[in-house]
Amino acid sequence: MFFNKKEKKIDDQFSSYQDREKSRYNTQAGFMVEGFEGEGLLKNVSIPGLCLESVTYVSVTPKEQYKIKIIPEPISHIESFELRAEVNWVRSTELSFEAGFSIINPSQDKTSPIRRYVEFLKIHNR
């Protein structure tokens, strides 16, 4: 019986991970972080978070909040918009920078730019 409970727990964790992966959408959007020169690629986005990558280092600190300007692909017909996000993790090498953020208080309004953008990506990432 203990084995079955443990197996179920592992299955639940795997299922949760798969659900999280399914809700992320790859993008071709650009981004700019308040206070830093340059821009990069919004690698993927979901309503709870986003991943940024760049060939230039962006000095962000885990647990700190930043204003991020998202520049969606022109085909989306969604204007650039800003949001606040908190850094969860940072990976950097000599050649690249990548960071994961949690969006602070994402709007529940379906007409908000972030929700419209995620809906656009959901349709076009199939």
Protein backbone atom coordinates (compact mmCIF):
# COMPACT_ATOMS: atom_id res chain seq x y z
CA MET A 1 0.00 0.00 0.00
CA PHE A 2 2.86 2.45 0.78
CA PHE A 3 4.30 1.79 -2.67
CA ASN A 4 0.97 2.68 -4.29
CA LYS A 5 0.75 5.97 -2.36
CA LYS A 6 4.30 6.88 -3.33
CA GLU A 7 3.68 5.89 -6.95
CA LYS A 8 0.55 8.04 -7.00
CA LYS A 9 2.48 10.98 -5.58
CA ILE A 10 5.12 10.66 -8.32
CA ASP A 11 2.38 10.38 -10.95
CA ASP A 12 0.70 13.52 -9.54
CA GLN A 13 3.99 15.43 -9.66
CA PHE A 14 4.64 14.30 -13.24
CA SER A 15 1.10 15.23 -14.25
CA SER A 16 1.50 18.65 -12.63
CA TYR A 17 4.79 19.17 -14.50
CA GLN A 18 3.16 18.15 -17.80
CA ASP A 19 0.26 20.55 -17.20
CA ARG A 20 2.73 23.35 -16.48
CA GLU A 21 4.66 22.56 -19.67
CA LYS A 22 1.45 22.54 -21.73
CA SER A 23 0.47 26.00 -20.50
CA ARG A 24 3.77 27.55 -21.65
CA TYR A 25 3.88 29.00 -25.13
CA ASN A 26 7.02 29.68 -27.15
CA THR A 27 7.24 33.17 -28.59
CA GLN A 28 9.16 35.38 -30.98
CA ALA A 29 8.43 38.47 -28.87
CA GLY A 30 11.03 40.91 -27.70
CA PHE A 31 11.46 42.32 -24.22
CA MET A 32 13.10 45.19 -22.39
CA VAL A 33 13.76 45.26 -18.62
CA GLU A 34 13.40 48.58 -16.85
CA GLY A 35 16.79 50.10 -16.09
CA PHE A 36 18.83 47.96 -18.49
CA GLU A 37 20.10 48.69 -21.98
CA GLY A 38 19.35 46.30 -24.80
CA GLU A 39 16.64 43.78 -25.38
CA GLY A 40 16.22 40.07 -25.92
CA LEU A 41 13.75 37.31 -26.67
CA LEU A 42 10.73 36.35 -24.60
CA LYS A 43 11.46 32.61 -24.81
CA ASN A 44 8.13 31.42 -23.45
CA VAL A 45 5.15 32.74 -21.53
CA SER A 46 2.17 31.54 -19.54
CA ILE A 47 -0.19 33.43 -17.26
CA PRO A 48 1.82 32.68 -14.12
CA GLY A 49 5.24 33.38 -15.61
CA LEU A 50 7.71 33.95 -18.39
CA CYS A 51 11.25 33.13 -19.44
CA LEU A 52 13.56 35.74 -20.95
CA GLU A 53 16.79 35.11 -22.83
CA SER A 54 19.41 37.40 -24.28
CA VAL A 55 22.92 37.35 -25.68
CA THR A 56 23.75 40.28 -23.40
CA TYR A 57 23.80 39.96 -19.64
CA VAL A 58 20.90 41.56 -17.78
CA SER A 59 21.70 42.08 -14.11
CA VAL A 60 18.61 40.91 -12.27
CA THR A 61 18.42 39.55 -8.74
CA PRO A 62 16.25 36.61 -7.62
CA LYS A 63 13.24 37.68 -5.54
CA GLU A 64 13.45 41.26 -6.88
CA GLN A 65 10.64 42.78 -8.95
CA TYR A 66 11.13 44.50 -12.31
CA LYS A 67 8.99 46.26 -14.89
CA ILE A 68 9.24 44.36 -18.19
CA LYS A 69 8.09 45.65 -21.55
CA ILE A 70 6.85 42.88 -23.83
CA ILE A 71 7.03 43.53 -27.59
CA PRO A 72 4.75 40.94 -29.27
CA GLU A 73 5.25 39.75 -32.82
CA PRO A 74 3.61 42.13 -35.33
CA ILE A 75 1.37 39.31 -36.61
CA SER A 76 -0.35 39.21 -33.20
CA HIS A 77 -1.71 42.76 -33.64
CA ILE A 78 -1.11 43.30 -29.92
CA GLU A 79 0.66 46.51 -28.94
CA SER A 80 3.68 46.45 -26.65
CA PHE A 81 2.70 46.29 -22.99
CA GLU A 82 4.32 46.38 -19.58
CA LEU A 83 3.99 44.13 -16.57
CA ARG A 84 5.67 43.65 -13.23
CA ALA A 85 7.40 40.36 -12.54
CA GLU A 86 9.58 38.80 -9.85
CA VAL A 87 12.76 36.91 -10.69
CA ASN A 88 12.60 33.21 -9.74
CA TRP A 89 15.90 32.04 -11.20
CA VAL A 90 18.80 33.20 -13.37
CA ARG A 91 21.20 31.26 -15.60
CA SER A 92 24.04 32.95 -17.39
CA THR A 93 27.13 31.96 -19.31
CA GLU A 94 29.69 33.96 -21.27
CA LEU A 95 27.39 33.78 -24.30
CA SER A 96 23.85 33.96 -22.95
CA PHE A 97 21.50 35.02 -20.21
CA GLU A 98 18.23 33.36 -19.22
CA ALA A 99 15.85 34.15 -16.36
CA GLY A 100 12.48 32.89 -15.15
CA PHE A 101 9.95 35.36 -13.75
CA SER A 102 6.59 35.15 -12.00
CA ILE A 103 4.10 37.77 -13.15
CA ILE A 104 2.94 39.94 -10.25
CA ASN A 105 -0.87 40.15 -10.01
CA PRO A 106 -1.70 39.13 -13.58
CA SER A 107 -4.98 40.68 -14.66
CA GLN A 108 -8.00 38.40 -14.62
CA ASP A 109 -9.53 40.52 -17.39
CA LYS A 110 -9.55 38.48 -20.60
CA THR A 111 -8.98 41.67 -22.60
CA SER A 112 -5.71 42.48 -20.79
CA PRO A 113 -2.69 42.46 -23.13
CA ILE A 114 -0.97 39.49 -21.41
CA ARG A 115 -4.10 37.33 -21.58
CA ARG A 116 -4.78 38.30 -25.21
CA TYR A 117 -1.18 37.49 -26.06
CA VAL A 118 -1.30 34.09 -24.36
CA GLU A 119 -4.57 33.33 -26.22
CA PHE A 120 -2.91 34.33 -29.51
CA LEU A 121 0.02 32.01 -28.76
CA LYS A 122 -2.27 29.17 -27.71
CA ILE A 123 -3.96 29.30 -31.13
CA HIS A 124 -0.75 29.75 -33.15
CA ASN A 125 1.51 27.29 -31.30
CA ARG A 126 -0.33 24.15 -32.37
